[in-house]
Amino acid sequence: MTRIQMILFVIALVFMNWMPARAALPEKRIGVLFWNEAPRYTDAKKGIVDQLKIEGFAEPIVQFFIVNADGNKAKAVEAVHTFTVEKMDMIISLGTSATLAVTRDVKDVPVVFSSVFDPVASKKAKSWQSSDNNTTGASNRVPLSMPLSRLKEFAPVKTLAVLYTANELNSVTQLKELQGLQADFQIKIIPVPLTSAEDVTQVLPEVMRGVDALYL
């Protein structure tokens, strides 16, 4: 089952709990918040909304309130406030930052998330078995042992520079996972902190002189 199929299955269960028969459904309101225009968010948003409409969950049964946060935390908070005022029956959040904005204030409405790297580490779920709250969804996390294994097959890499952003939870989580795999793959992880996109061009030449490979 793909992530989109999983998300649609969860949403369908929510709809089933609303009313026993689709024909009797009154208008329901769904808020959709995606973090920015990155393809992973826009593709997920389009896939979820389009498939819901194909399944019959379109106007007048459902009214969608779709908001792009434009990568802005203040705009995401404003969108969540609007969802609350407009009394959404369910909220779909795409991306870790968008999901954090939603779950910070929404405690009594079903929240279905997608493209969240680690819902447990970001404290959106109690465990991988159950969120133990009003949220559910799908993660796009891939065990980093997989790319490390492929890297070792490709070349005898001994040192790996990892570019990361200290104030981004997903970035730090990946760094820590890679550091935990050093002994298993006999690769030394070299953390390279970044504060802006401009840092990449400044530090990259020097970093590449001392390592075998680079993880972005």
C-alpha atoms as a PDB file:
ATOM      1  CA  MET A   1       0.000   0.000   0.000  1.00  0.00           C
ATOM      2  CA  THR A   2       1.419   3.365  -1.022  1.00  0.00           C
ATOM      3  CA  ARG A   3       1.470   6.394   1.321  1.00  0.00           C
ATOM      4  CA  ILE A   4      -1.339   8.047  -0.689  1.00  0.00           C
ATOM      5  CA  GLN A   5      -3.456   4.884  -0.506  1.00  0.00           C
ATOM      6  CA  MET A   6      -2.829   4.648   3.225  1.00  0.00           C
ATOM      7  CA  ILE A   7      -3.830   8.281   3.769  1.00  0.00           C
ATOM      8  CA  LEU A   8      -7.015   7.802   1.697  1.00  0.00           C
ATOM      9  CA  PHE A   9      -7.880   4.674   3.690  1.00  0.00           C
ATOM     10  CA  VAL A  10      -7.561   6.596   6.960  1.00  0.00           C
ATOM     11  CA  ILE A  11      -9.650   9.491   5.616  1.00  0.00           C
ATOM     12  CA  ALA A  12     -12.307   7.060   4.423  1.00  0.00           C
ATOM     13  CA  LEU A  13     -12.540   5.619   7.937  1.00  0.00           C
ATOM     14  CA  VAL A  14     -13.113   9.110   9.319  1.00  0.00           C
ATOM     15  CA  PHE A  15     -15.909   9.668   6.812  1.00  0.00           C
ATOM     16  CA  MET A  16     -17.499   6.355   7.782  1.00  0.00           C
ATOM     17  CA  ASN A  17     -17.597   7.486  11.392  1.00  0.00           C
ATOM     18  CA  TRP A  18     -19.353  10.699  10.441  1.00  0.00           C
ATOM     19  CA  MET A  19     -22.488   9.066   8.985  1.00  0.00           C
ATOM     20  CA  PRO A  20     -23.579   5.483   8.136  1.00  0.00           C
ATOM     21  CA  ALA A  21     -24.690   6.284   4.584  1.00  0.00           C
ATOM     22  CA  ARG A  22     -22.852   8.530   2.112  1.00  0.00           C
ATOM     23  CA  ALA A  23     -26.120   9.759   0.557  1.00  0.00           C
ATOM     24  CA  ALA A  24     -27.200  11.175   3.912  1.00  0.00           C
ATOM     25  CA  LEU A  25     -23.969  13.083   4.517  1.00  0.00           C
ATOM     26  CA  PRO A  26     -24.397  16.794   5.170  1.00  0.00           C
ATOM     27  CA  GLU A  27     -21.684  19.187   4.042  1.00  0.00           C
ATOM     28  CA  LYS A  28     -18.401  18.522   5.810  1.00  0.00           C
ATOM     29  CA  ARG A  29     -15.413  20.809   5.946  1.00  0.00           C
ATOM     30  CA  ILE A  30     -11.838  19.653   5.433  1.00  0.00           C
ATOM     31  CA  GLY A  31      -8.871  21.955   5.965  1.00  0.00           C
ATOM     32  CA  VAL A  32      -5.738  21.134   3.972  1.00  0.00           C
ATOM     33  CA  LEU A  33      -2.472  22.811   4.965  1.00  0.00           C
ATOM     34  CA  PHE A  34       0.705  22.148   2.977  1.00  0.00           C
ATOM     35  CA  TRP A  35       4.072  23.647   3.904  1.00  0.00           C
ATOM     36  CA  ASN A  36       5.258  25.000   0.547  1.00  0.00           C
ATOM     37  CA  GLU A  37       5.309  24.334  -3.196  1.00  0.00           C
ATOM     38  CA  ALA A  38       7.848  21.489  -2.981  1.00  0.00           C
ATOM     39  CA  PRO A  39       6.683  18.613  -5.235  1.00  0.00           C
ATOM     40  CA  ARG A  40       6.412  16.170  -2.320  1.00  0.00           C
ATOM     41  CA  TYR A  41       3.749  18.390  -0.756  1.00  0.00           C
ATOM     42  CA  THR A  42       1.877  19.527  -3.864  1.00  0.00           C
ATOM     43  CA  ASP A  43       1.795  16.017  -5.318  1.00  0.00           C
ATOM     44  CA  ALA A  44       0.460  14.587  -2.048  1.00  0.00           C
ATOM     45  CA  LYS A  45      -2.162  17.339  -1.792  1.00  0.00           C
ATOM     46  CA  LYS A  46      -3.342  16.835  -5.368  1.00  0.00           C
ATOM     47  CA  GLY A  47      -3.415  13.047  -5.055  1.00  0.00           C
ATOM     48  CA  ILE A  48      -5.419  13.059  -1.837  1.00  0.00           C
ATOM     49  CA  VAL A  49      -7.962  15.689  -2.908  1.00  0.00           C
ATOM     50  CA  ASP A  50      -8.396  14.286  -6.436  1.00  0.00           C
ATOM     51  CA  GLN A  51      -8.947  10.750  -5.204  1.00  0.00           C
ATOM     52  CA  LEU A  52     -11.428  11.871  -2.563  1.00  0.00           C
ATOM     53  CA  LYS A  53     -13.414  13.595  -5.299  1.00  0.00           C
ATOM     54  CA  ILE A  54     -13.304  10.451  -7.448  1.00  0.00           C
ATOM     55  CA  GLU A  55     -14.664   8.474  -4.503  1.00  0.00           C
ATOM     56  CA  GLY A  56     -17.598  10.870  -4.265  1.00  0.00           C
ATOM     57  CA  PHE A  57     -16.334  13.129  -1.504  1.00  0.00           C
ATOM     58  CA  ALA A  58     -16.691  16.395  -3.403  1.00  0.00           C
ATOM     59  CA  GLU A  59     -19.002  19.395  -3.266  1.00  0.00           C
ATOM     60  CA  PRO A  60     -21.667  19.618  -1.978  1.00  0.00           C
ATOM     61  CA  ILE A  61     -20.744  16.779   0.386  1.00  0.00           C
ATOM     62  CA  VAL A  62     -17.331  18.252   1.211  1.00  0.00           C
ATOM     63  CA  GLN A  63     -15.983  21.769   1.204  1.00  0.00           C
ATOM     64  CA  PHE A  64     -12.178  21.998   1.028  1.00  0.00           C
ATOM     65  CA  PHE A  65     -10.204  24.869   2.595  1.00  0.00           C
ATOM     66  CA  ILE A  66      -6.737  24.533   1.010  1.00  0.00           C
ATOM     67  CA  VAL A  67      -3.900  26.751   2.271  1.00  0.00           C
ATOM     68  CA  ASN A  68      -0.243  26.981   1.202  1.00  0.00           C
ATOM     69  CA  ALA A  69       1.890  28.175   4.136  1.00  0.00           C
ATOM     70  CA  ASP A  70       4.638  29.314   1.727  1.00  0.00           C
ATOM     71  CA  GLY A  71       7.208  28.000   4.185  1.00  0.00           C
ATOM     72  CA  ASN A  72       6.112  30.650   6.683  1.00  0.00           C
ATOM     73  CA  LYS A  73       5.360  29.616  10.278  1.00  0.00           C
ATOM     74  CA  ALA A  74       3.215  32.703  10.922  1.00  0.00           C
ATOM     75  CA  LYS A  75       1.081  31.940   7.860  1.00  0.00           C
ATOM     76  CA  ALA A  76       0.700  28.339   8.996  1.00  0.00           C
ATOM     77  CA  VAL A  77      -0.500  29.500  12.423  1.00  0.00           C
ATOM     78  CA  GLU A  78      -2.953  31.885  10.750  1.00  0.00           C
ATOM     79  CA  ALA A  79      -4.298  29.026   8.611  1.00  0.00           C
ATOM     80  CA  VAL A  80      -4.836  26.859  11.684  1.00  0.00           C
ATOM     81  CA  HIS A  81      -6.718  29.721  13.344  1.00  0.00           C
ATOM     82  CA  THR A  82      -8.952  29.971  10.274  1.00  0.00           C
ATOM     83  CA  PHE A  83      -9.581  26.218  10.346  1.00  0.00           C
ATOM     84  CA  THR A  84     -10.628  26.517  13.995  1.00  0.00           C
ATOM     85  CA  VAL A  85     -12.933  29.479  13.414  1.00  0.00           C
ATOM     86  CA  GLU A  86     -14.508  27.828  10.378  1.00  0.00           C
ATOM     87  CA  LYS A  87     -14.995  24.618  12.391  1.00  0.00           C
ATOM     88  CA  MET A  88     -13.288  22.027  10.219  1.00  0.00           C
ATOM     89  CA  ASP A  89     -14.485  18.450  10.600  1.00  0.00           C
ATOM     90  CA  MET A  90     -11.036  17.159   9.690  1.00  0.00           C
ATOM     91  CA  ILE A  91      -7.621  18.641   8.888  1.00  0.00           C
ATOM     92  CA  ILE A  92      -5.023  17.222   6.499  1.00  0.00           C
ATOM     93  CA  SER A  93      -1.472  18.480   7.048  1.00  0.00           C
ATOM     94  CA  LEU A  94       1.391  17.912   4.622  1.00  0.00           C
ATOM     95  CA  GLY A  95       4.921  18.262   5.968  1.00  0.00           C
ATOM     96  CA  THR A  96       6.418  18.201   9.460  1.00  0.00           C
ATOM     97  CA  SER A  97       6.263  21.983   9.976  1.00  0.00           C
ATOM     98  CA  ALA A  98       2.655  22.177   8.778  1.00  0.00           C
ATOM     99  CA  THR A  99       1.713  19.283  11.035  1.00  0.00           C
ATOM    100  CA  LEU A 100       3.413  20.897  14.038  1.00  0.00           C
ATOM    101  CA  ALA A 101       1.410  24.080  13.444  1.00  0.00           C
ATOM    102  CA  VAL A 102      -1.850  22.125  13.296  1.00  0.00           C
ATOM    103  CA  THR A 103      -1.308  19.788  16.227  1.00  0.00           C
ATOM    104  CA  ARG A 104      -0.076  22.538  18.512  1.00  0.00           C
ATOM    105  CA  ASP A 105      -3.609  23.947  18.806  1.00  0.00           C
ATOM    106  CA  VAL A 106      -5.994  21.355  17.378  1.00  0.00           C
ATOM    107  CA  LYS A 107      -6.796  18.659  19.932  1.00  0.00           C
ATOM    108  CA  ASP A 108     -10.436  17.760  19.278  1.00  0.00           C
ATOM    109  CA  VAL A 109     -10.586  17.364  15.478  1.00  0.00           C
ATOM    110  CA  PRO A 110      -9.140  14.418  13.473  1.00  0.00           C
ATOM    111  CA  VAL A 111      -5.771  15.343  11.935  1.00  0.00           C
ATOM    112  CA  VAL A 112      -4.384  13.223   9.086  1.00  0.00           C
ATOM    113  CA  PHE A 113      -0.776  13.985   8.157  1.00  0.00           C
ATOM    114  CA  SER A 114       1.529  13.014   5.304  1.00  0.00           C
ATOM    115  CA  SER A 115       5.179  13.687   4.409  1.00  0.00           C
ATOM    116  CA  VAL A 116       6.152  13.791   8.083  1.00  0.00           C
ATOM    117  CA  PHE A 117       9.648  12.345   8.438  1.00  0.00           C
ATOM    118  CA  ASP A 118       9.414  11.162  12.047  1.00  0.00           C
ATOM    119  CA  PRO A 119       6.078  11.712  13.846  1.00  0.00           C
ATOM    120  CA  VAL A 120       7.450  10.122  17.019  1.00  0.00           C
ATOM    121  CA  ALA A 121      10.590  12.278  17.257  1.00  0.00           C
ATOM    122  CA  SER A 122       8.533  15.384  16.472  1.00  0.00           C
ATOM    123  CA  LYS A 123       6.154  14.359  19.285  1.00  0.00           C
ATOM    124  CA  LYS A 124       3.103  14.081  17.051  1.00  0.00           C
ATOM    125  CA  ALA A 125       2.704  10.417  17.921  1.00  0.00           C
ATOM    126  CA  LYS A 126       3.432   8.508  21.105  1.00  0.00           C
ATOM    127  CA  SER A 127       4.849   5.557  19.186  1.00  0.00           C
ATOM    128  CA  TRP A 128       4.984   3.997  15.721  1.00  0.00           C
ATOM    129  CA  GLN A 129       2.148   1.680  16.804  1.00  0.00           C
ATOM    130  CA  SER A 130      -0.286   4.369  18.005  1.00  0.00           C
ATOM    131  CA  SER A 131      -0.351   8.154  18.172  1.00  0.00           C
ATOM    132  CA  ASP A 132      -2.463   8.015  21.346  1.00  0.00           C
ATOM    133  CA  ASN A 133      -4.094  11.299  20.304  1.00  0.00           C
ATOM    134  CA  ASN A 134      -6.236  12.820  17.533  1.00  0.00           C
ATOM    135  CA  THR A 135      -3.601  12.371  14.801  1.00  0.00           C
ATOM    136  CA  THR A 136      -2.785   9.632  12.313  1.00  0.00           C
ATOM    137  CA  GLY A 137      -1.012   9.516   8.969  1.00  0.00           C
ATOM    138  CA  ALA A 138       1.984   8.346   6.988  1.00  0.00           C
ATOM    139  CA  SER A 139       5.719   8.926   7.293  1.00  0.00           C
ATOM    140  CA  ASN A 140       8.160   9.313   4.407  1.00  0.00           C
ATOM    141  CA  ARG A 141      11.052   8.099   6.514  1.00  0.00           C
ATOM    142  CA  VAL A 142      13.398   5.534   4.960  1.00  0.00           C
ATOM    143  CA  PRO A 143      15.933   3.629   7.120  1.00  0.00           C
ATOM    144  CA  LEU A 144      19.284   5.287   6.430  1.00  0.00           C
ATOM    145  CA  SER A 145      20.976   1.906   6.523  1.00  0.00           C
ATOM    146  CA  MET A 146      19.635   1.455   2.983  1.00  0.00           C
ATOM    147  CA  PRO A 147      21.479   4.374   1.304  1.00  0.00           C
ATOM    148  CA  LEU A 148      24.607   3.606   3.355  1.00  0.00           C
ATOM    149  CA  SER A 149      24.537   0.028   2.131  1.00  0.00           C
ATOM    150  CA  ARG A 150      24.231   1.197  -1.490  1.00  0.00           C
ATOM    151  CA  LEU A 151      27.030   3.704  -0.948  1.00  0.00           C
ATOM    152  CA  LYS A 152      29.402   0.991   0.296  1.00  0.00           C
ATOM    153  CA  GLU A 153      28.562  -1.101  -2.762  1.00  0.00           C
ATOM    154  CA  PHE A 154      29.385   1.831  -4.996  1.00  0.00           C
ATOM    155  CA  ALA A 155      32.722   2.820  -3.435  1.00  0.00           C
ATOM    156  CA  PRO A 156      34.958   1.980  -0.422  1.00  0.00           C
ATOM    157  CA  VAL A 157      33.792   5.044   1.509  1.00  0.00           C
ATOM    158  CA  LYS A 158      35.455   5.617   4.885  1.00  0.00           C
ATOM    159  CA  THR A 159      34.358   9.193   5.657  1.00  0.00           C
ATOM    160  CA  LEU A 160      30.976  10.788   4.995  1.00  0.00           C
ATOM    161  CA  ALA A 161      30.264  14.499   5.445  1.00  0.00           C
ATOM    162  CA  VAL A 162      26.664  15.185   6.503  1.00  0.00           C
ATOM    163  CA  LEU A 163      25.294  18.639   5.779  1.00  0.00           C
ATOM    164  CA  TYR A 164      22.542  19.469   8.258  1.00  0.00           C
ATOM    165  CA  THR A 165      20.617  22.382   9.736  1.00  0.00           C
ATOM    166  CA  ALA A 166      20.715  22.501  13.535  1.00  0.00           C
ATOM    167  CA  ASN A 167      17.300  24.158  13.919  1.00  0.00           C
ATOM    168  CA  GLU A 168      15.482  21.625  11.719  1.00  0.00           C
ATOM    169  CA  LEU A 169      14.312  18.551  13.617  1.00  0.00           C
ATOM    170  CA  ASN A 170      14.258  16.266  10.563  1.00  0.00           C
ATOM    171  CA  SER A 171      17.826  17.224   9.679  1.00  0.00           C
ATOM    172  CA  VAL A 172      19.119  16.569  13.202  1.00  0.00           C
ATOM    173  CA  THR A 173      17.210  13.287  13.404  1.00  0.00           C
ATOM    174  CA  GLN A 174      18.866  12.023  10.221  1.00  0.00           C
ATOM    175  CA  LEU A 175      22.321  13.074  11.463  1.00  0.00           C
ATOM    176  CA  LYS A 176      21.834  11.167  14.721  1.00  0.00           C
ATOM    177  CA  GLU A 177      20.659   8.064  12.865  1.00  0.00           C
ATOM    178  CA  LEU A 178      23.695   8.167  10.586  1.00  0.00           C
ATOM    179  CA  GLN A 179      26.006   8.599  13.576  1.00  0.00           C
ATOM    180  CA  GLY A 180      24.431   5.524  15.140  1.00  0.00           C
ATOM    181  CA  LEU A 181      25.311   3.488  12.039  1.00  0.00           C
ATOM    182  CA  GLN A 182      29.009   4.400  11.911  1.00  0.00           C
ATOM    183  CA  ALA A 183      30.264   1.195  13.535  1.00  0.00           C
ATOM    184  CA  ASP A 184      28.010  -1.082  11.478  1.00  0.00           C
ATOM    185  CA  PHE A 185      29.221   0.350   8.172  1.00  0.00           C
ATOM    186  CA  GLN A 186      32.719   1.393   9.249  1.00  0.00           C
ATOM    187  CA  ILE A 187      32.101   4.928   8.064  1.00  0.00           C
ATOM    188  CA  LYS A 188      33.136   8.017  10.018  1.00  0.00           C
ATOM    189  CA  ILE A 189      30.380  10.657   9.998  1.00  0.00           C
ATOM    190  CA  ILE A 190      31.568  14.269   9.771  1.00  0.00           C
ATOM    191  CA  PRO A 191      28.773  16.699  10.789  1.00  0.00           C
ATOM    192  CA  VAL A 192      28.736  19.947   8.795  1.00  0.00           C
ATOM    193  CA  PRO A 193      26.252  22.461  10.284  1.00  0.00           C
ATOM    194  CA  LEU A 194      24.606  25.006   7.973  1.00  0.00           C
ATOM    195  CA  THR A 195      22.676  28.145   8.829  1.00  0.00           C
ATOM    196  CA  SER A 196      21.669  29.197   5.312  1.00  0.00           C
ATOM    197  CA  ALA A 197      21.730  28.021   1.698  1.00  0.00           C
ATOM    198  CA  GLU A 198      24.667  30.332   1.039  1.00  0.00           C
ATOM    199  CA  ASP A 199      26.787  28.319   3.502  1.00  0.00           C
ATOM    200  CA  VAL A 200      26.852  25.377   1.085  1.00  0.00           C
ATOM    201  CA  THR A 201      28.985  27.105  -1.551  1.00  0.00           C
ATOM    202  CA  GLN A 202      31.295  28.484   1.120  1.00  0.00           C
ATOM    203  CA  VAL A 203      32.016  25.276   3.046  1.00  0.00           C
ATOM    204  CA  LEU A 204      31.700  22.671   0.291  1.00  0.00           C
ATOM    205  CA  PRO A 205      35.177  23.031  -1.307  1.00  0.00           C
ATOM    206  CA  GLU A 206      36.974  22.614   2.006  1.00  0.00           C
ATOM    207  CA  VAL A 207      34.685  19.802   3.202  1.00  0.00           C
ATOM    208  CA  MET A 208      35.135  17.764   0.016  1.00  0.00           C
ATOM    209  CA  ARG A 209      38.919  17.820   0.354  1.00  0.00           C
ATOM    210  CA  GLY A 210      38.725  15.773   3.536  1.00  0.00           C
ATOM    211  CA  VAL A 211      35.935  13.224   2.939  1.00  0.00           C
ATOM    212  CA  ASP A 212      35.060  10.412   0.547  1.00  0.00           C
ATOM    213  CA  ALA A 213      31.384  11.250   0.102  1.00  0.00           C
ATOM    214  CA  LEU A 214      28.744  13.832   0.917  1.00  0.00           C
ATOM    215  CA  TYR A 215      25.225  13.429   2.353  1.00  0.00           C
ATOM    216  CA  LEU A 216      22.820  16.302   1.683  1.00  0.00           C
END
